[in-house]
Amino acid sequence: MARDSNLRLVYSTGGPVSPPKPAGPKAAAQRPPAGIRLRLERRASGRVVTVVTGLPGSADEVAAMARTLKTGCGTGGSLKDGVLELQGDHRERVEEFLAARGLRSKRAGG
């Protein structure tokens, strides 16, 4: 019986030991919807950023919505891992934009 030198038992409380199964793409895709949240963050330099999380749709749809939001607010921003950051305080405009498209949003934070 051949043994892999990288798989060795370090500690056991009894019973057979099997390596953990890697999480597939299905586990990450089945995240429960948390809703759209609008948050205002202040950076260390004093700049204010509007953070929008929970935008629905595929990656392409979210990117298109982010592009439209940035244009509508007349500001720059970035989209990373489904989190949209807009430069400045644009919570009112973002709420109006989402409401016009039938999406409900909620302000988070203080």
PDB file of N, CA and C in Angstrom:
ATOM      1  N   MET A   1       0.839  -1.170   0.000  1.00  0.00           N
ATOM      2  CA  MET A   1       0.000   0.000   0.000  1.00  0.00           C
ATOM      3  C   MET A   1       0.891   1.242   0.000  1.00  0.00           C
ATOM      4  N   ALA A   2       0.731   2.095  -1.016  1.00  0.00           N
ATOM      5  CA  ALA A   2       1.545   3.303  -1.142  1.00  0.00           C
ATOM      6  C   ALA A   2       0.924   4.421  -0.313  1.00  0.00           C
ATOM      7  N   ARG A   3       1.763   5.207   0.368  1.00  0.00           N
ATOM      8  CA  ARG A   3       1.291   6.319   1.185  1.00  0.00           C
ATOM      9  C   ARG A   3       1.829   7.618   0.620  1.00  0.00           C
ATOM     10  N   ASP A   4       1.004   8.619   0.638  1.00  0.00           N
ATOM     11  CA  ASP A   4       1.435   9.943   0.219  1.00  0.00           C
ATOM     12  C   ASP A   4       2.142  10.598   1.401  1.00  0.00           C
ATOM     13  N   SER A   5       3.330  11.106   1.184  1.00  0.00           N
ATOM     14  CA  SER A   5       4.113  11.661   2.283  1.00  0.00           C
ATOM     15  C   SER A   5       3.519  12.966   2.815  1.00  0.00           C
ATOM     16  N   ASN A   6       2.628  13.609   2.067  1.00  0.00           N
ATOM     17  CA  ASN A   6       2.023  14.853   2.520  1.00  0.00           C
ATOM     18  C   ASN A   6       0.786  14.635   3.387  1.00  0.00           C
ATOM     19  N   LEU A   7       0.246  13.434   3.390  1.00  0.00           N
ATOM     20  CA  LEU A   7      -0.942  13.132   4.172  1.00  0.00           C
ATOM     21  C   LEU A   7      -0.533  12.268   5.354  1.00  0.00           C
ATOM     22  N   ARG A   8      -0.433  12.887   6.505  1.00  0.00           N
ATOM     23  CA  ARG A   8      -0.102  12.115   7.695  1.00  0.00           C
ATOM     24  C   ARG A   8      -0.985  12.591   8.835  1.00  0.00           C
ATOM     25  N   LEU A   9      -1.280  11.695   9.734  1.00  0.00           N
ATOM     26  CA  LEU A   9      -2.129  11.987  10.861  1.00  0.00           C
ATOM     27  C   LEU A   9      -1.337  12.743  11.913  1.00  0.00           C
ATOM     28  N   VAL A  10      -1.806  13.925  12.274  1.00  0.00           N
ATOM     29  CA  VAL A  10      -1.124  14.727  13.278  1.00  0.00           C
ATOM     30  C   VAL A  10      -1.768  14.500  14.634  1.00  0.00           C
ATOM     31  N   TYR A  11      -3.084  14.494  14.695  1.00  0.00           N
ATOM     32  CA  TYR A  11      -3.794  14.305  15.945  1.00  0.00           C
ATOM     33  C   TYR A  11      -5.140  13.696  15.627  1.00  0.00           C
ATOM     34  N   SER A  12      -5.588  12.791  16.460  1.00  0.00           N
ATOM     35  CA  SER A  12      -6.867  12.156  16.207  1.00  0.00           C
ATOM     36  C   SER A  12      -7.574  11.907  17.525  1.00  0.00           C
ATOM     37  N   THR A  13      -8.874  12.116  17.532  1.00  0.00           N
ATOM     38  CA  THR A  13      -9.695  11.800  18.693  1.00  0.00           C
ATOM     39  C   THR A  13     -10.395  10.478  18.482  1.00  0.00           C
ATOM     40  N   GLY A  14     -10.009   9.786  17.444  1.00  0.00           N
ATOM     41  CA  GLY A  14     -10.603   8.500  17.126  1.00  0.00           C
ATOM     42  C   GLY A  14     -11.385   8.584  15.833  1.00  0.00           C
ATOM     43  N   GLY A  15     -11.646   7.452  15.274  1.00  0.00           N
ATOM     44  CA  GLY A  15     -12.413   7.399  14.048  1.00  0.00           C
ATOM     45  C   GLY A  15     -11.559   7.642  12.821  1.00  0.00           C
ATOM     46  N   PRO A  16     -12.082   7.307  11.654  1.00  0.00           N
ATOM     47  CA  PRO A  16     -11.313   7.511  10.423  1.00  0.00           C
ATOM     48  C   PRO A  16     -11.179   8.997  10.090  1.00  0.00           C
ATOM     49  N   VAL A  17     -10.069   9.347   9.523  1.00  0.00           N
ATOM     50  CA  VAL A  17      -9.785  10.724   9.153  1.00  0.00           C
ATOM     51  C   VAL A  17      -9.791  10.837   7.637  1.00  0.00           C
ATOM     52  N   SER A  18     -10.544  11.812   7.135  1.00  0.00           N
ATOM     53  CA  SER A  18     -10.543  12.066   5.699  1.00  0.00           C
ATOM     54  C   SER A  18     -10.251  13.539   5.489  1.00  0.00           C
ATOM     55  N   PRO A  19      -9.538  13.876   4.423  1.00  0.00           N
ATOM     56  CA  PRO A  19      -9.230  15.289   4.169  1.00  0.00           C
ATOM     57  C   PRO A  19     -10.508  16.064   3.879  1.00  0.00           C
ATOM     58  N   PRO A  20     -10.569  17.344   4.243  1.00  0.00           N
ATOM     59  CA  PRO A  20     -11.781  18.131   3.983  1.00  0.00           C
ATOM     60  C   PRO A  20     -12.014  18.292   2.496  1.00  0.00           C
ATOM     61  N   LYS A  21     -13.289  18.301   2.141  1.00  0.00           N
ATOM     62  CA  LYS A  21     -13.642  18.450   0.733  1.00  0.00           C
ATOM     63  C   LYS A  21     -13.593  19.931   0.372  1.00  0.00           C
ATOM     64  N   PRO A  22     -12.997  20.270  -0.769  1.00  0.00           N
ATOM     65  CA  PRO A  22     -12.947  21.681  -1.171  1.00  0.00           C
ATOM     66  C   PRO A  22     -14.338  22.161  -1.553  1.00  0.00           C
ATOM     67  N   ALA A  23     -14.613  23.416  -1.223  1.00  0.00           N
ATOM     68  CA  ALA A  23     -15.895  24.015  -1.576  1.00  0.00           C
ATOM     69  C   ALA A  23     -15.918  24.309  -3.069  1.00  0.00           C
ATOM     70  N   GLY A  24     -16.939  23.840  -3.739  1.00  0.00           N
ATOM     71  CA  GLY A  24     -17.057  24.043  -5.177  1.00  0.00           C
ATOM     72  C   GLY A  24     -17.657  25.402  -5.496  1.00  0.00           C
ATOM     73  N   PRO A  25     -17.808  25.699  -6.770  1.00  0.00           N
ATOM     74  CA  PRO A  25     -18.378  26.988  -7.154  1.00  0.00           C
ATOM     75  C   PRO A  25     -19.843  27.119  -6.756  1.00  0.00           C
ATOM     76  N   LYS A  26     -20.529  25.979  -6.539  1.00  0.00           N
ATOM     77  CA  LYS A  26     -21.927  26.028  -6.159  1.00  0.00           C
ATOM     78  C   LYS A  26     -22.111  26.629  -4.775  1.00  0.00           C
ATOM     79  N   ALA A  27     -21.194  26.325  -3.854  1.00  0.00           N
ATOM     80  CA  ALA A  27     -21.319  26.821  -2.487  1.00  0.00           C
ATOM     81  C   ALA A  27     -21.220  28.346  -2.441  1.00  0.00           C
ATOM     82  N   ALA A  28     -20.354  28.919  -3.242  1.00  0.00           N
ATOM     83  CA  ALA A  28     -20.198  30.371  -3.261  1.00  0.00           C
ATOM     84  C   ALA A  28     -21.366  31.042  -3.977  1.00  0.00           C
ATOM     85  N   ALA A  29     -21.951  30.388  -4.963  1.00  0.00           N
ATOM     86  CA  ALA A  29     -23.024  30.978  -5.748  1.00  0.00           C
ATOM     87  C   ALA A  29     -24.361  30.962  -5.006  1.00  0.00           C
ATOM     88  N   GLN A  30     -24.520  30.129  -3.976  1.00  0.00           N
ATOM     89  CA  GLN A  30     -25.789  30.004  -3.277  1.00  0.00           C
ATOM     90  C   GLN A  30     -25.822  30.854  -2.011  1.00  0.00           C
ATOM     91  N   ARG A  31     -25.311  32.057  -2.101  1.00  0.00           N
ATOM     92  CA  ARG A  31     -25.346  32.983  -0.982  1.00  0.00           C
ATOM     93  C   ARG A  31     -26.770  33.516  -0.833  1.00  0.00           C
ATOM     94  N   PRO A  32     -27.288  33.594   0.387  1.00  0.00           N
ATOM     95  CA  PRO A  32     -28.633  34.156   0.536  1.00  0.00           C
ATOM     96  C   PRO A  32     -28.624  35.652   0.257  1.00  0.00           C
ATOM     97  N   PRO A  33     -29.655  36.156  -0.419  1.00  0.00           N
ATOM     98  CA  PRO A  33     -29.675  37.579  -0.722  1.00  0.00           C
ATOM     99  C   PRO A  33     -29.824  38.401   0.556  1.00  0.00           C
ATOM    100  N   ALA A  34     -28.929  39.356   0.747  1.00  0.00           N
ATOM    101  CA  ALA A  34     -28.961  40.184   1.949  1.00  0.00           C
ATOM    102  C   ALA A  34     -29.654  41.514   1.680  1.00  0.00           C
ATOM    103  N   GLY A  35     -29.986  41.791   0.444  1.00  0.00           N
ATOM    104  CA  GLY A  35     -30.595  43.066   0.109  1.00  0.00           C
ATOM    105  C   GLY A  35     -29.532  44.090  -0.231  1.00  0.00           C
ATOM    106  N   ILE A  36     -29.960  45.196  -0.789  1.00  0.00           N
ATOM    107  CA  ILE A  36     -29.033  46.255  -1.182  1.00  0.00           C
ATOM    108  C   ILE A  36     -28.838  47.181   0.010  1.00  0.00           C
ATOM    109  N   ARG A  37     -27.597  47.389   0.378  1.00  0.00           N
ATOM    110  CA  ARG A  37     -27.260  48.252   1.511  1.00  0.00           C
ATOM    111  C   ARG A  37     -26.436  49.434   1.033  1.00  0.00           C
ATOM    112  N   LEU A  38     -26.749  50.611   1.549  1.00  0.00           N
ATOM    113  CA  LEU A  38     -26.012  51.838   1.247  1.00  0.00           C
ATOM    114  C   LEU A  38     -25.337  52.292   2.531  1.00  0.00           C
ATOM    115  N   ARG A  39     -24.042  52.502   2.443  1.00  0.00           N
ATOM    116  CA  ARG A  39     -23.274  52.885   3.619  1.00  0.00           C
ATOM    117  C   ARG A  39     -22.346  54.026   3.257  1.00  0.00           C
ATOM    118  N   LEU A  40     -22.113  54.915   4.187  1.00  0.00           N
ATOM    119  CA  LEU A  40     -21.203  56.027   3.984  1.00  0.00           C
ATOM    120  C   LEU A  40     -19.953  55.765   4.816  1.00  0.00           C
ATOM    121  N   GLU A  41     -18.793  55.806   4.163  1.00  0.00           N
ATOM    122  CA  GLU A  41     -17.530  55.593   4.865  1.00  0.00           C
ATOM    123  C   GLU A  41     -16.657  56.822   4.714  1.00  0.00           C
ATOM    124  N   ARG A  42     -15.941  57.121   5.771  1.00  0.00           N
ATOM    125  CA  ARG A  42     -14.994  58.230   5.743  1.00  0.00           C
ATOM    126  C   ARG A  42     -13.598  57.628   5.781  1.00  0.00           C
ATOM    127  N   ARG A  43     -12.794  57.963   4.796  1.00  0.00           N
ATOM    128  CA  ARG A  43     -11.428  57.468   4.706  1.00  0.00           C
ATOM    129  C   ARG A  43     -10.528  58.228   5.673  1.00  0.00           C
ATOM    130  N   ALA A  44      -9.324  57.717   5.888  1.00  0.00           N
ATOM    131  CA  ALA A  44      -8.372  58.346   6.802  1.00  0.00           C
ATOM    132  C   ALA A  44      -7.994  59.748   6.341  1.00  0.00           C
ATOM    133  N   SER A  45      -8.038  59.970   5.042  1.00  0.00           N
ATOM    134  CA  SER A  45      -7.679  61.282   4.493  1.00  0.00           C
ATOM    135  C   SER A  45      -8.830  62.281   4.586  1.00  0.00           C
ATOM    136  N   GLY A  46      -9.993  61.843   5.088  1.00  0.00           N
ATOM    137  CA  GLY A  46     -11.141  62.737   5.215  1.00  0.00           C
ATOM    138  C   GLY A  46     -12.116  62.636   4.062  1.00  0.00           C
ATOM    139  N   ARG A  47     -11.763  61.880   3.030  1.00  0.00           N
ATOM    140  CA  ARG A  47     -12.670  61.726   1.891  1.00  0.00           C
ATOM    141  C   ARG A  47     -13.866  60.874   2.293  1.00  0.00           C
ATOM    142  N   VAL A  48     -14.997  61.105   1.651  1.00  0.00           N
ATOM    143  CA  VAL A  48     -16.220  60.361   1.918  1.00  0.00           C
ATOM    144  C   VAL A  48     -16.510  59.467   0.724  1.00  0.00           C
ATOM    145  N   VAL A  49     -16.928  58.233   1.002  1.00  0.00           N
ATOM    146  CA  VAL A  49     -17.213  57.254  -0.047  1.00  0.00           C
ATOM    147  C   VAL A  49     -18.560  56.617   0.242  1.00  0.00           C
ATOM    148  N   THR A  50     -19.403  56.514  -0.774  1.00  0.00           N
ATOM    149  CA  THR A  50     -20.664  55.795  -0.669  1.00  0.00           C
ATOM    150  C   THR A  50     -20.417  54.361  -1.100  1.00  0.00           C
ATOM    151  N   VAL A  51     -20.731  53.407  -0.220  1.00  0.00           N
ATOM    152  CA  VAL A  51     -20.505  51.988  -0.492  1.00  0.00           C
ATOM    153  C   VAL A  51     -21.854  51.321  -0.711  1.00  0.00           C
ATOM    154  N   VAL A  52     -22.006  50.638  -1.843  1.00  0.00           N
ATOM    155  CA  VAL A  52     -23.248  49.951  -2.197  1.00  0.00           C
ATOM    156  C   VAL A  52     -22.937  48.461  -2.274  1.00  0.00           C
ATOM    157  N   THR A  53     -23.604  47.667  -1.442  1.00  0.00           N
ATOM    158  CA  THR A  53     -23.408  46.214  -1.448  1.00  0.00           C
ATOM    159  C   THR A  53     -24.728  45.512  -1.735  1.00  0.00           C
ATOM    160  N   GLY A  54     -24.643  44.290  -2.219  1.00  0.00           N
ATOM    161  CA  GLY A  54     -25.823  43.469  -2.450  1.00  0.00           C
ATOM    162  C   GLY A  54     -26.567  43.753  -3.731  1.00  0.00           C
ATOM    163  N   LEU A  55     -25.895  44.302  -4.729  1.00  0.00           N
ATOM    164  CA  LEU A  55     -26.576  44.548  -6.001  1.00  0.00           C
ATOM    165  C   LEU A  55     -26.913  43.219  -6.664  1.00  0.00           C
ATOM    166  N   PRO A  56     -28.161  43.045  -7.112  1.00  0.00           N
ATOM    167  CA  PRO A  56     -28.569  41.771  -7.704  1.00  0.00           C
ATOM    168  C   PRO A  56     -28.129  41.653  -9.155  1.00  0.00           C
ATOM    169  N   GLY A  57     -28.049  40.410  -9.620  1.00  0.00           N
ATOM    170  CA  GLY A  57     -27.738  40.148 -11.018  1.00  0.00           C
ATOM    171  C   GLY A  57     -26.389  39.486 -11.195  1.00  0.00           C
ATOM    172  N   SER A  58     -26.086  39.172 -12.448  1.00  0.00           N
ATOM    173  CA  SER A  58     -24.802  38.563 -12.767  1.00  0.00           C
ATOM    174  C   SER A  58     -23.707  39.622 -12.700  1.00  0.00           C
ATOM    175  N   ALA A  59     -22.479  39.178 -12.845  1.00  0.00           N
ATOM    176  CA  ALA A  59     -21.345  40.103 -12.770  1.00  0.00           C
ATOM    177  C   ALA A  59     -21.439  41.174 -13.856  1.00  0.00           C
ATOM    178  N   ASP A  60     -21.872  40.784 -15.059  1.00  0.00           N
ATOM    179  CA  ASP A  60     -22.003  41.747 -16.152  1.00  0.00           C
ATOM    180  C   ASP A  60     -23.123  42.758 -15.882  1.00  0.00           C
ATOM    181  N   GLU A  61     -24.245  42.278 -15.326  1.00  0.00           N
ATOM    182  CA  GLU A  61     -25.358  43.169 -15.017  1.00  0.00           C
ATOM    183  C   GLU A  61     -24.986  44.159 -13.923  1.00  0.00           C
ATOM    184  N   VAL A  62     -24.257  43.672 -12.911  1.00  0.00           N
ATOM    185  CA  VAL A  62     -23.830  44.555 -11.820  1.00  0.00           C
ATOM    186  C   VAL A  62     -22.849  45.594 -12.349  1.00  0.00           C
ATOM    187  N   ALA A  63     -21.949  45.183 -13.255  1.00  0.00           N
ATOM    188  CA  ALA A  63     -20.985  46.123 -13.835  1.00  0.00           C
ATOM    189  C   ALA A  63     -21.704  47.197 -14.652  1.00  0.00           C
ATOM    190  N   ALA A  64     -22.728  46.803 -15.402  1.00  0.00           N
ATOM    191  CA  ALA A  64     -23.488  47.779 -16.189  1.00  0.00           C
ATOM    192  C   ALA A  64     -24.254  48.734 -15.271  1.00  0.00           C
ATOM    193  N   MET A  65     -24.831  48.198 -14.182  1.00  0.00           N
ATOM    194  CA  MET A  65     -25.550  49.048 -13.239  1.00  0.00           C
ATOM    195  C   MET A  65     -24.580  50.016 -12.547  1.00  0.00           C
ATOM    196  N   ALA A  66     -23.386  49.544 -12.223  1.00  0.00           N
ATOM    197  CA  ALA A  66     -22.382  50.408 -11.587  1.00  0.00           C
ATOM    198  C   ALA A  66     -21.971  51.527 -12.528  1.00  0.00           C
ATOM    199  N   ARG A  67     -21.804  51.209 -13.786  1.00  0.00           N
ATOM    200  CA  ARG A  67     -21.422  52.205 -14.785  1.00  0.00           C
ATOM    201  C   ARG A  67     -22.516  53.276 -14.902  1.00  0.00           C
ATOM    202  N   THR A  68     -23.770  52.850 -14.919  1.00  0.00           N
ATOM    203  CA  THR A  68     -24.889  53.778 -15.012  1.00  0.00           C
ATOM    204  C   THR A  68     -24.992  54.646 -13.749  1.00  0.00           C
ATOM    205  N   LEU A  69     -24.763  54.035 -12.588  1.00  0.00           N
ATOM    206  CA  LEU A  69     -24.796  54.792 -11.331  1.00  0.00           C
ATOM    207  C   LEU A  69     -23.700  55.847 -11.293  1.00  0.00           C
ATOM    208  N   LYS A  70     -22.503  55.486 -11.717  1.00  0.00           N
ATOM    209  CA  LYS A  70     -21.402  56.451 -11.725  1.00  0.00           C
ATOM    210  C   LYS A  70     -21.696  57.609 -12.670  1.00  0.00           C
ATOM    211  N   THR A  71     -22.270  57.305 -13.820  1.00  0.00           N
ATOM    212  CA  THR A  71     -22.620  58.349 -14.777  1.00  0.00           C
ATOM    213  C   THR A  71     -23.733  59.235 -14.224  1.00  0.00           C
ATOM    214  N   GLY A  72     -24.755  58.616 -13.623  1.00  0.00           N
ATOM    215  CA  GLY A  72     -25.876  59.368 -13.077  1.00  0.00           C
ATOM    216  C   GLY A  72     -25.478  60.261 -11.919  1.00  0.00           C
ATOM    217  N   CYS A  73     -24.509  59.824 -11.131  1.00  0.00           N
ATOM    218  CA  CYS A  73     -24.047  60.635  -9.995  1.00  0.00           C
ATOM    219  C   CYS A  73     -22.964  61.607 -10.417  1.00  0.00           C
ATOM    220  N   GLY A  74     -22.422  61.445 -11.599  1.00  0.00           N
ATOM    221  CA  GLY A  74     -21.365  62.328 -12.078  1.00  0.00           C
ATOM    222  C   GLY A  74     -20.096  62.209 -11.261  1.00  0.00           C
ATOM    223  N   THR A  75     -19.745  60.984 -10.918  1.00  0.00           N
ATOM    224  CA  THR A  75     -18.584  60.763 -10.064  1.00  0.00           C
ATOM    225  C   THR A  75     -17.828  59.514 -10.492  1.00  0.00           C
ATOM    226  N   GLY A  76     -16.673  59.342  -9.942  1.00  0.00           N
ATOM    227  CA  GLY A  76     -15.883  58.138 -10.189  1.00  0.00           C
ATOM    228  C   GLY A  76     -16.179  57.110  -9.123  1.00  0.00           C
ATOM    229  N   GLY A  77     -15.630  55.947  -9.317  1.00  0.00           N
ATOM    230  CA  GLY A  77     -15.828  54.887  -8.346  1.00  0.00           C
ATOM    231  C   GLY A  77     -15.203  53.609  -8.827  1.00  0.00           C
ATOM    232  N   SER A  78     -15.370  52.560  -8.036  1.00  0.00           N
ATOM    233  CA  SER A  78     -14.805  51.260  -8.404  1.00  0.00           C
ATOM    234  C   SER A  78     -15.772  50.161  -8.000  1.00  0.00           C
ATOM    235  N   LEU A  79     -15.657  49.034  -8.684  1.00  0.00           N
ATOM    236  CA  LEU A  79     -16.471  47.857  -8.413  1.00  0.00           C
ATOM    237  C   LEU A  79     -15.526  46.694  -8.200  1.00  0.00           C
ATOM    238  N   LYS A  80     -15.502  46.150  -6.986  1.00  0.00           N
ATOM    239  CA  LYS A  80     -14.642  45.017  -6.663  1.00  0.00           C
ATOM    240  C   LYS A  80     -15.455  44.007  -5.877  1.00  0.00           C
ATOM    241  N   ASP A  81     -15.483  42.773  -6.348  1.00  0.00           N
ATOM    242  CA  ASP A  81     -16.181  41.682  -5.665  1.00  0.00           C
ATOM    243  C   ASP A  81     -17.631  42.015  -5.367  1.00  0.00           C
ATOM    244  N   GLY A  82     -18.301  42.691  -6.279  1.00  0.00           N
ATOM    245  CA  GLY A  82     -19.708  43.014  -6.110  1.00  0.00           C
ATOM    246  C   GLY A  82     -19.989  44.190  -5.190  1.00  0.00           C
ATOM    247  N   VAL A  83     -18.944  44.860  -4.718  1.00  0.00           N
ATOM    248  CA  VAL A  83     -19.105  46.028  -3.844  1.00  0.00           C
ATOM    249  C   VAL A  83     -18.757  47.270  -4.657  1.00  0.00           C
ATOM    250  N   LEU A  84     -19.707  48.184  -4.754  1.00  0.00           N
ATOM    251  CA  LEU A  84     -19.515  49.414  -5.516  1.00  0.00           C
ATOM    252  C   LEU A  84     -19.165  50.543  -4.569  1.00  0.00           C
ATOM    253  N   GLU A  85     -18.088  51.255  -4.867  1.00  0.00           N
ATOM    254  CA  GLU A  85     -17.689  52.424  -4.088  1.00  0.00           C
ATOM    255  C   GLU A  85     -17.772  53.646  -4.991  1.00  0.00           C
ATOM    256  N   LEU A  86     -18.569  54.628  -4.574  1.00  0.00           N
ATOM    257  CA  LEU A  86     -18.710  55.879  -5.308  1.00  0.00           C
ATOM    258  C   LEU A  86     -18.034  56.987  -4.517  1.00  0.00           C
ATOM    259  N   GLN A  87     -17.289  57.821  -5.180  1.00  0.00           N
ATOM    260  CA  GLN A  87     -16.591  58.918  -4.511  1.00  0.00           C
ATOM    261  C   GLN A  87     -17.584  60.005  -4.143  1.00  0.00           C
ATOM    262  N   GLY A  88     -17.702  60.295  -2.857  1.00  0.00           N
ATOM    263  CA  GLY A  88     -18.618  61.329  -2.388  1.00  0.00           C
ATOM    264  C   GLY A  88     -19.866  60.732  -1.759  1.00  0.00           C
ATOM    265  N   ASP A  89     -20.713  61.591  -1.213  1.00  0.00           N
ATOM    266  CA  ASP A  89     -21.963  61.182  -0.585  1.00  0.00           C
ATOM    267  C   ASP A  89     -23.075  61.244  -1.625  1.00  0.00           C
ATOM    268  N   HIS A  90     -23.462  60.084  -2.143  1.00  0.00           N
ATOM    269  CA  HIS A  90     -24.480  60.007  -3.196  1.00  0.00           C
ATOM    270  C   HIS A  90     -25.611  59.062  -2.795  1.00  0.00           C
ATOM    271  N   ARG A  91     -25.881  58.944  -1.516  1.00  0.00           N
ATOM    272  CA  ARG A  91     -26.902  57.998  -1.059  1.00  0.00           C
ATOM    273  C   ARG A  91     -28.283  58.339  -1.601  1.00  0.00           C
ATOM    274  N   GLU A  92     -28.658  59.622  -1.612  1.00  0.00           N
ATOM    275  CA  GLU A  92     -29.978  60.026  -2.115  1.00  0.00           C
ATOM    276  C   GLU A  92     -30.137  59.646  -3.581  1.00  0.00           C
ATOM    277  N   ARG A  93     -29.151  59.981  -4.401  1.00  0.00           N
ATOM    278  CA  ARG A  93     -29.223  59.688  -5.838  1.00  0.00           C
ATOM    279  C   ARG A  93     -29.269  58.184  -6.096  1.00  0.00           C
ATOM    280  N   VAL A  94     -28.485  57.429  -5.344  1.00  0.00           N
ATOM    281  CA  VAL A  94     -28.466  55.975  -5.522  1.00  0.00           C
ATOM    282  C   VAL A  94     -29.820  55.393  -5.131  1.00  0.00           C
ATOM    283  N   GLU A  95     -30.414  55.860  -4.044  1.00  0.00           N
ATOM    284  CA  GLU A  95     -31.739  55.383  -3.641  1.00  0.00           C
ATOM    285  C   GLU A  95     -32.779  55.671  -4.714  1.00  0.00           C
ATOM    286  N   GLU A  96     -32.748  56.889  -5.280  1.00  0.00           N
ATOM    287  CA  GLU A  96     -33.690  57.249  -6.339  1.00  0.00           C
ATOM    288  C   GLU A  96     -33.483  56.384  -7.577  1.00  0.00           C
ATOM    289  N   PHE A  97     -32.220  56.143  -7.938  1.00  0.00           N
ATOM    290  CA  PHE A  97     -31.896  55.319  -9.096  1.00  0.00           C
ATOM    291  C   PHE A  97     -32.434  53.900  -8.911  1.00  0.00           C
ATOM    292  N   LEU A  98     -32.205  53.322  -7.740  1.00  0.00           N
ATOM    293  CA  LEU A  98     -32.650  51.953  -7.481  1.00  0.00           C
ATOM    294  C   LEU A  98     -34.171  51.868  -7.400  1.00  0.00           C
ATOM    295  N   ALA A  99     -34.803  52.873  -6.790  1.00  0.00           N
ATOM    296  CA  ALA A  99     -36.264  52.878  -6.684  1.00  0.00           C
ATOM    297  C   ALA A  99     -36.915  52.985  -8.066  1.00  0.00           C
ATOM    298  N   ALA A 100     -36.300  53.730  -8.961  1.00  0.00           N
ATOM    299  CA  ALA A 100     -36.834  53.859 -10.322  1.00  0.00           C
ATOM    300  C   ALA A 100     -36.786  52.525 -11.066  1.00  0.00           C
ATOM    301  N   ARG A 101     -35.900  51.655 -10.669  1.00  0.00           N
ATOM    302  CA  ARG A 101     -35.780  50.331 -11.292  1.00  0.00           C
ATOM    303  C   ARG A 101     -36.481  49.252 -10.489  1.00  0.00           C
ATOM    304  N   GLY A 102     -37.236  49.645  -9.469  1.00  0.00           N
ATOM    305  CA  GLY A 102     -38.008  48.691  -8.683  1.00  0.00           C
ATOM    306  C   GLY A 102     -37.187  47.907  -7.674  1.00  0.00           C
ATOM    307  N   LEU A 103     -36.019  48.404  -7.303  1.00  0.00           N
ATOM    308  CA  LEU A 103     -35.170  47.727  -6.342  1.00  0.00           C
ATOM    309  C   LEU A 103     -35.244  48.454  -5.004  1.00  0.00           C
ATOM    310  N   ARG A 104     -35.362  47.702  -3.922  1.00  0.00           N
ATOM    311  CA  ARG A 104     -35.425  48.283  -2.593  1.00  0.00           C
ATOM    312  C   ARG A 104     -34.041  48.321  -1.987  1.00  0.00           C
ATOM    313  N   SER A 105     -33.719  49.421  -1.346  1.00  0.00           N
ATOM    314  CA  SER A 105     -32.428  49.559  -0.693  1.00  0.00           C
ATOM    315  C   SER A 105     -32.639  50.034   0.728  1.00  0.00           C
ATOM    316  N   LYS A 106     -31.612  49.850   1.535  1.00  0.00           N
ATOM    317  CA  LYS A 106     -31.697  50.249   2.932  1.00  0.00           C
ATOM    318  C   LYS A 106     -30.370  50.867   3.332  1.00  0.00           C
ATOM    319  N   ARG A 107     -30.462  51.961   4.063  1.00  0.00           N
ATOM    320  CA  ARG A 107     -29.239  52.596   4.548  1.00  0.00           C
ATOM    321  C   ARG A 107     -28.713  51.833   5.752  1.00  0.00           C
ATOM    322  N   ALA A 108     -27.425  51.611   5.761  1.00  0.00           N
ATOM    323  CA  ALA A 108     -26.784  50.911   6.861  1.00  0.00           C
ATOM    324  C   ALA A 108     -25.835  51.869   7.565  1.00  0.00           C
ATOM    325  N   GLY A 109     -25.592  51.625   8.831  1.00  0.00           N
ATOM    326  CA  GLY A 109     -24.678  52.479   9.567  1.00  0.00           C
ATOM    327  C   GLY A 109     -25.416  53.634  10.214  1.00  0.00           C
ATOM    328  N   GLY A 110     -24.652  54.640  10.645  1.00  0.00           N
ATOM    329  CA  GLY A 110     -25.234  55.769  11.377  1.00  0.00           C
ATOM    330  C   GLY A 110     -25.704  56.815  10.511  1.00  0.00           C
TER     331      GLY A 110
END
